[in-house]
Protein backbone atom coordinates (compact mmCIF):
# COMPACT_ATOMS: atom_id res chain seq x y z
CA MET A 1 -2.42 -3.26 -5.74
CA MET A 2 0.82 -1.97 -7.08
CA VAL A 3 1.26 0.04 -3.97
CA GLY A 4 0.90 -3.07 -1.81
CA LEU A 5 3.44 -5.09 -3.80
CA CYS A 6 5.94 -2.11 -3.62
CA ALA A 7 5.37 -1.92 0.18
CA LEU A 8 5.96 -5.64 0.37
CA ALA A 9 9.18 -5.62 -1.39
CA VAL A 10 10.51 -2.55 0.88
CA LEU A 11 9.67 -4.65 3.90
CA PHE A 12 11.40 -7.69 2.37
CA ALA A 13 14.57 -5.71 1.59
CA MET A 14 14.58 -4.17 5.11
CA ASP A 15 14.13 -7.63 6.52
CA ASN A 16 17.18 -8.93 4.56
CA ILE A 17 19.25 -5.96 5.54
CA ARG A 18 18.32 -6.72 9.12
CA GLN A 19 19.53 -10.26 8.73
CA VAL A 20 22.68 -9.39 7.22
CA LEU A 21 23.45 -6.96 10.05
CA ASP A 22 22.62 -9.48 12.66
CA GLY A 23 25.91 -9.41 14.40
CA MET A 24 25.30 -5.63 15.37
CA PRO A 25 22.38 -5.86 17.97
CA LEU A 26 21.69 -1.97 18.16
CA VAL A 27 21.51 -1.59 14.21
CA GLY A 28 19.29 -4.65 13.90
CA GLN A 29 17.00 -3.41 16.46
CA ILE A 30 16.57 -0.01 15.05
CA ILE A 31 15.99 -1.59 11.46
CA LEU A 32 13.36 -3.86 13.21
CA ILE A 33 11.66 -0.96 14.77
CA LEU A 34 11.66 0.82 11.41
CA GLU A 35 10.29 -2.25 9.59
CA THR A 36 7.46 -2.63 12.41
CA LEU A 37 6.61 1.23 11.78
CA ALA A 38 6.58 0.94 8.02
CA GLY A 39 4.36 -2.20 8.13
CA SER A 40 1.86 -0.50 10.63
CA SER A 41 1.80 2.58 8.48
CA MET A 42 0.88 0.58 5.40
CA LEU A 43 -1.70 -1.15 7.14
CA GLY A 44 -3.19 2.16 8.48
CA TRP A 45 -3.08 3.58 5.07
CA SER A 46 -4.76 0.64 3.63
CA LEU A 47 -7.54 0.82 6.20
CA ALA A 48 -8.04 4.46 5.62
CA CYS A 49 -7.52 4.86 2.05
CA GLY A 50 -6.61 1.57 0.29
CA ASN A 51 -8.02 -1.66 -0.66
CA LEU A 52 -9.09 -2.44 2.94
CA ARG A 53 -11.24 0.54 3.27
CA ARG A 54 -14.88 -0.13 3.72
CA THR A 55 -17.40 1.63 1.48
CA ALA A 56 -20.48 3.38 2.71
CA VAL A 57 -22.56 0.41 1.25
CA GLU A 58 -20.84 -2.10 3.19
CA LEU A 59 -21.12 -0.18 6.40
CA SER A 60 -24.76 0.44 5.89
CA GLY A 61 -25.22 -3.37 5.15
CA SER A 62 -23.52 -4.29 8.40
CA GLU A 63 -25.52 -1.84 10.29
CA GLN A 64 -28.79 -3.26 8.96
CA VAL A 65 -27.58 -6.82 10.09
CA ARG A 66 -26.96 -5.53 13.48
CA THR A 67 -30.47 -3.71 13.62
CA LEU A 68 -32.09 -6.84 12.54
CA ARG A 69 -30.24 -8.96 15.11
CA GLU A 70 -31.31 -6.58 17.74
CA PHE A 71 -34.97 -6.64 16.77
CA LEU A 72 -34.97 -10.42 16.69
CA THR A 73 -33.35 -10.74 20.14
CA THR A 74 -36.06 -8.44 21.60
CA GLN A 75 -38.86 -10.10 20.02
CA ALA A 76 -37.88 -13.59 21.51
């Protein structure tokens, strides 16, 4: 959770810097691109290794539900 809070703080700081440099369109766009890349990277990391990662038990549970649904639709 601490990593997520640090990432949120960094994104907030980058957004404030972008707003301060609003008069310079090129610099603002570059900072916006960097902010978007940082947010996308953080989301990717969370999906792969962080709190949003699914465990094997969760995956097998969803697999069981899908198999049950397929079985019930073929029986009807």
